[in-house]
Amino acid sequence: MAVGLKVKYYWYPIGHGDFLHSFFSTVSYHLEPNGWGTKYPFLLKKLYNGKLEYKYIKDVIKEIDEIQESLKNYSPSQVVWDIEDLSKTPPWGDNISDEITDLSNYFVTSDGEDLITILKKALNKALKIKSDVEIESI
C-alpha cells in the first residue's frame, strides 16, 4: 500500500509502506544503540506512529539533519529492511543505482526523489503553515 506525508491539503508521496518502515528501521538499528526512539523520539515515536504535531516540527528537523549526516557513514549494503526481522532484504536486493553511495542517499521515493529531502520539504511546509504532519495510506 502506498504511503505519503500529508500536511493539511499538501501531499508528499513516498512509496510502499515497507519502504518507509525500512528507513525508520535503518535509522534505529544503526543510530540508536539503546533501542527504537531513544535518540530520535520525535521521528521514531511521534511521526512513525502516524502523526507529528506542529509543536514538534523543529525538533524532528534537527533529528533528521543529524540522521542525514550520520547515515553517510554507512554503506548501502547496511540497509535494514525490517528491524523486527533482520533476515528480510529489499525486494530489489543489491540492484541499486550507482548514484547511491551511502545510506544518507539510499532511500528514493516512488517519484524518484530523495526521501530525506521530501521529509524536510514536508516539515518545512508544515512549519510555514503551522500544520501537523501525518503519514497516510492511499
C-alpha atoms as a PDB file:
ATOM      1  CA  MET A   1       0.000   0.000   0.000  1.00  0.00           C
ATOM      2  CA  ALA A   2       1.340   3.436  -0.947  1.00  0.00           C
ATOM      3  CA  VAL A   3       2.004   5.970   1.779  1.00  0.00           C
ATOM      4  CA  GLY A   4       2.865   9.627   1.886  1.00  0.00           C
ATOM      5  CA  LEU A   5       3.055  12.639   4.127  1.00  0.00           C
ATOM      6  CA  LYS A   6       0.024  14.885   4.452  1.00  0.00           C
ATOM      7  CA  VAL A   7       0.439  18.491   5.535  1.00  0.00           C
ATOM      8  CA  LYS A   8      -3.062  19.992   5.595  1.00  0.00           C
ATOM      9  CA  TYR A   9      -4.024  19.683   1.909  1.00  0.00           C
ATOM     10  CA  TYR A  10      -0.456  19.147   0.625  1.00  0.00           C
ATOM     11  CA  TRP A  11       0.603  15.610  -0.297  1.00  0.00           C
ATOM     12  CA  TYR A  12       4.161  14.283  -0.423  1.00  0.00           C
ATOM     13  CA  PRO A  13       4.247  10.763  -1.919  1.00  0.00           C
ATOM     14  CA  ILE A  14       6.784   8.314  -0.527  1.00  0.00           C
ATOM     15  CA  GLY A  15       6.038   4.837  -1.838  1.00  0.00           C
ATOM     16  CA  HIS A  16       5.242   1.478  -0.295  1.00  0.00           C
ATOM     17  CA  GLY A  17       4.797   1.346   3.473  1.00  0.00           C
ATOM     18  CA  ASP A  18       7.555  -1.283   3.759  1.00  0.00           C
ATOM     19  CA  PHE A  19       9.965   1.174   2.145  1.00  0.00           C
ATOM     20  CA  LEU A  20       9.192   3.874   4.718  1.00  0.00           C
ATOM     21  CA  HIS A  21       9.436   1.318   7.529  1.00  0.00           C
ATOM     22  CA  SER A  22      12.870   0.374   6.175  1.00  0.00           C
ATOM     23  CA  PHE A  23      14.055   3.965   6.555  1.00  0.00           C
ATOM     24  CA  PHE A  24      12.886   4.069  10.166  1.00  0.00           C
ATOM     25  CA  SER A  25      14.345   0.596  10.804  1.00  0.00           C
ATOM     26  CA  THR A  26      17.711   1.603   9.352  1.00  0.00           C
ATOM     27  CA  VAL A  27      17.849   4.753  11.467  1.00  0.00           C
ATOM     28  CA  SER A  28      17.006   2.962  14.689  1.00  0.00           C
ATOM     29  CA  TYR A  29      19.225  -0.072  14.058  1.00  0.00           C
ATOM     30  CA  HIS A  30      22.369   1.909  13.225  1.00  0.00           C
ATOM     31  CA  LEU A  31      21.935   5.142  15.175  1.00  0.00           C
ATOM     32  CA  GLU A  32      20.013   4.219  18.335  1.00  0.00           C
ATOM     33  CA  PRO A  33      22.085   1.754  20.389  1.00  0.00           C
ATOM     34  CA  ASN A  34      19.568   1.905  23.246  1.00  0.00           C
ATOM     35  CA  GLY A  35      16.548   0.976  21.134  1.00  0.00           C
ATOM     36  CA  TRP A  36      13.760   2.399  18.986  1.00  0.00           C
ATOM     37  CA  GLY A  37      13.031   6.066  19.643  1.00  0.00           C
ATOM     38  CA  THR A  38      15.651   6.538  22.366  1.00  0.00           C
ATOM     39  CA  LYS A  39      17.771   9.028  20.410  1.00  0.00           C
ATOM     40  CA  TYR A  40      15.221  10.256  17.857  1.00  0.00           C
ATOM     41  CA  PRO A  41      11.891  10.229  19.708  1.00  0.00           C
ATOM     42  CA  PHE A  42      10.148  12.811  17.544  1.00  0.00           C
ATOM     43  CA  LEU A  43      10.829  10.927  14.329  1.00  0.00           C
ATOM     44  CA  LEU A  44      10.505   7.367  15.617  1.00  0.00           C
ATOM     45  CA  LYS A  45       7.843   7.707  18.274  1.00  0.00           C
ATOM     46  CA  LYS A  46       5.742  10.607  17.009  1.00  0.00           C
ATOM     47  CA  LEU A  47       5.912  10.688  13.207  1.00  0.00           C
ATOM     48  CA  TYR A  48       6.368   6.917  12.842  1.00  0.00           C
ATOM     49  CA  ASN A  49       3.129   6.380  14.756  1.00  0.00           C
ATOM     50  CA  GLY A  50       1.249   8.415  12.170  1.00  0.00           C
ATOM     51  CA  LYS A  51       1.159  11.998  13.370  1.00  0.00           C
ATOM     52  CA  LEU A  52       3.698  14.649  14.276  1.00  0.00           C
ATOM     53  CA  GLU A  53       2.149  17.622  15.984  1.00  0.00           C
ATOM     54  CA  TYR A  54       3.142  21.099  14.815  1.00  0.00           C
ATOM     55  CA  LYS A  55       4.845  21.868  18.146  1.00  0.00           C
ATOM     56  CA  TYR A  56       7.464  19.138  17.443  1.00  0.00           C
ATOM     57  CA  ILE A  57       8.336  20.140  13.861  1.00  0.00           C
ATOM     58  CA  LYS A  58      11.564  21.993  14.735  1.00  0.00           C
ATOM     59  CA  ASP A  59      12.676  19.087  16.925  1.00  0.00           C
ATOM     60  CA  VAL A  60      12.223  16.499  14.182  1.00  0.00           C
ATOM     61  CA  ILE A  61      14.001  18.726  11.634  1.00  0.00           C
ATOM     62  CA  LYS A  62      17.039  18.756  13.944  1.00  0.00           C
ATOM     63  CA  GLU A  63      16.811  14.978  14.274  1.00  0.00           C
ATOM     64  CA  ILE A  64      16.654  14.495  10.505  1.00  0.00           C
ATOM     65  CA  ASP A  65      19.639  16.786   9.923  1.00  0.00           C
ATOM     66  CA  GLU A  66      21.680  14.716  12.385  1.00  0.00           C
ATOM     67  CA  ILE A  67      20.417  11.447  10.896  1.00  0.00           C
ATOM     68  CA  GLN A  68      21.339  12.555   7.378  1.00  0.00           C
ATOM     69  CA  GLU A  69      24.919  13.297   8.448  1.00  0.00           C
ATOM     70  CA  SER A  70      25.244  10.084  10.452  1.00  0.00           C
ATOM     71  CA  LEU A  71      23.917   7.836   7.678  1.00  0.00           C
ATOM     72  CA  LYS A  72      26.790   8.988   5.435  1.00  0.00           C
ATOM     73  CA  ASN A  73      28.983   6.628   7.476  1.00  0.00           C
ATOM     74  CA  TYR A  74      27.077   3.509   6.348  1.00  0.00           C
ATOM     75  CA  SER A  75      27.294   1.727   3.011  1.00  0.00           C
ATOM     76  CA  PRO A  76      24.174   0.780   1.021  1.00  0.00           C
ATOM     77  CA  SER A  77      24.765  -2.868   1.925  1.00  0.00           C
ATOM     78  CA  GLN A  78      23.994  -1.956   5.551  1.00  0.00           C
ATOM     79  CA  VAL A  79      20.359  -1.085   4.872  1.00  0.00           C
ATOM     80  CA  VAL A  80      17.885  -2.647   7.293  1.00  0.00           C
ATOM     81  CA  TRP A  81      14.650  -3.651   5.575  1.00  0.00           C
ATOM     82  CA  ASP A  82      12.792  -4.626   8.752  1.00  0.00           C
ATOM     83  CA  ILE A  83      14.210  -4.191  12.247  1.00  0.00           C
ATOM     84  CA  GLU A  84      11.810  -6.861  13.550  1.00  0.00           C
ATOM     85  CA  ASP A  85      13.135  -9.425  11.042  1.00  0.00           C
ATOM     86  CA  LEU A  86      16.737  -8.749  10.078  1.00  0.00           C
ATOM     87  CA  SER A  87      16.702 -11.628   7.583  1.00  0.00           C
ATOM     88  CA  LYS A  88      14.430  -9.611   5.263  1.00  0.00           C
ATOM     89  CA  THR A  89      16.057  -7.760   2.387  1.00  0.00           C
ATOM     90  CA  PRO A  90      14.831  -5.120  -0.069  1.00  0.00           C
ATOM     91  CA  PRO A  91      12.889  -6.597  -3.000  1.00  0.00           C
ATOM     92  CA  TRP A  92      15.498  -5.168  -5.408  1.00  0.00           C
ATOM     93  CA  GLY A  93      18.384  -6.787  -3.495  1.00  0.00           C
ATOM     94  CA  ASP A  94      21.731  -5.184  -4.352  1.00  0.00           C
ATOM     95  CA  ASN A  95      20.487  -3.881  -7.706  1.00  0.00           C
ATOM     96  CA  ILE A  96      20.699  -0.154  -6.928  1.00  0.00           C
ATOM     97  CA  SER A  97      21.755   2.964  -8.813  1.00  0.00           C
ATOM     98  CA  ASP A  98      25.440   3.933  -8.908  1.00  0.00           C
ATOM     99  CA  GLU A  99      24.310   7.315  -7.569  1.00  0.00           C
ATOM    100  CA  ILE A 100      23.543   5.705  -4.209  1.00  0.00           C
ATOM    101  CA  THR A 101      26.799   5.974  -2.289  1.00  0.00           C
ATOM    102  CA  ASP A 102      25.708   5.545   1.324  1.00  0.00           C
ATOM    103  CA  LEU A 103      22.587   5.265   3.472  1.00  0.00           C
ATOM    104  CA  SER A 104      22.032   9.046   3.513  1.00  0.00           C
ATOM    105  CA  ASN A 105      21.008   8.892  -0.159  1.00  0.00           C
ATOM    106  CA  TYR A 106      19.826   5.272  -0.348  1.00  0.00           C
ATOM    107  CA  PHE A 107      16.127   5.957   0.174  1.00  0.00           C
ATOM    108  CA  VAL A 108      14.492   7.233  -3.021  1.00  0.00           C
ATOM    109  CA  THR A 109      10.720   7.732  -3.177  1.00  0.00           C
ATOM    110  CA  SER A 110       8.419   6.248  -5.807  1.00  0.00           C
ATOM    111  CA  ASP A 111       8.666   9.622  -7.602  1.00  0.00           C
ATOM    112  CA  GLY A 112      12.472   9.375  -7.766  1.00  0.00           C
ATOM    113  CA  GLU A 113      13.060  11.945  -5.033  1.00  0.00           C
ATOM    114  CA  ASP A 114      15.413  11.615  -2.078  1.00  0.00           C
ATOM    115  CA  LEU A 115      13.311  10.600   0.946  1.00  0.00           C
ATOM    116  CA  ILE A 116      15.189  12.827   3.390  1.00  0.00           C
ATOM    117  CA  THR A 117      14.677  15.798   1.058  1.00  0.00           C
ATOM    118  CA  ILE A 118      10.943  15.029   0.869  1.00  0.00           C
ATOM    119  CA  LEU A 119      10.739  14.741   4.663  1.00  0.00           C
ATOM    120  CA  LYS A 120      12.401  18.142   5.009  1.00  0.00           C
ATOM    121  CA  LYS A 121      10.112  19.711   2.378  1.00  0.00           C
ATOM    122  CA  ALA A 122       7.013  18.419   4.142  1.00  0.00           C
ATOM    123  CA  LEU A 123       8.274  19.510   7.558  1.00  0.00           C
ATOM    124  CA  ASN A 124       9.222  22.978   6.341  1.00  0.00           C
ATOM    125  CA  LYS A 125       5.797  23.353   4.705  1.00  0.00           C
ATOM    126  CA  ALA A 126       4.173  22.303   7.990  1.00  0.00           C
ATOM    127  CA  LEU A 127       6.287  24.832   9.858  1.00  0.00           C
ATOM    128  CA  LYS A 128       5.336  27.579   7.401  1.00  0.00           C
ATOM    129  CA  ILE A 129       1.594  26.900   7.530  1.00  0.00           C
ATOM    130  CA  LYS A 130       1.548  25.810  11.194  1.00  0.00           C
ATOM    131  CA  SER A 131       0.226  22.318  10.495  1.00  0.00           C
ATOM    132  CA  ASP A 132       0.701  18.811  11.836  1.00  0.00           C
ATOM    133  CA  VAL A 133       2.308  16.182   9.585  1.00  0.00           C
ATOM    134  CA  GLU A 134       0.601  12.830   9.102  1.00  0.00           C
ATOM    135  CA  ILE A 135       1.627   9.584   7.462  1.00  0.00           C
ATOM    136  CA  GLU A 136      -1.317   8.365   5.393  1.00  0.00           C
ATOM    137  CA  SER A 137      -2.010   5.385   3.178  1.00  0.00           C
ATOM    138  CA  ILE A 138      -3.722   5.722  -0.183  1.00  0.00           C
END
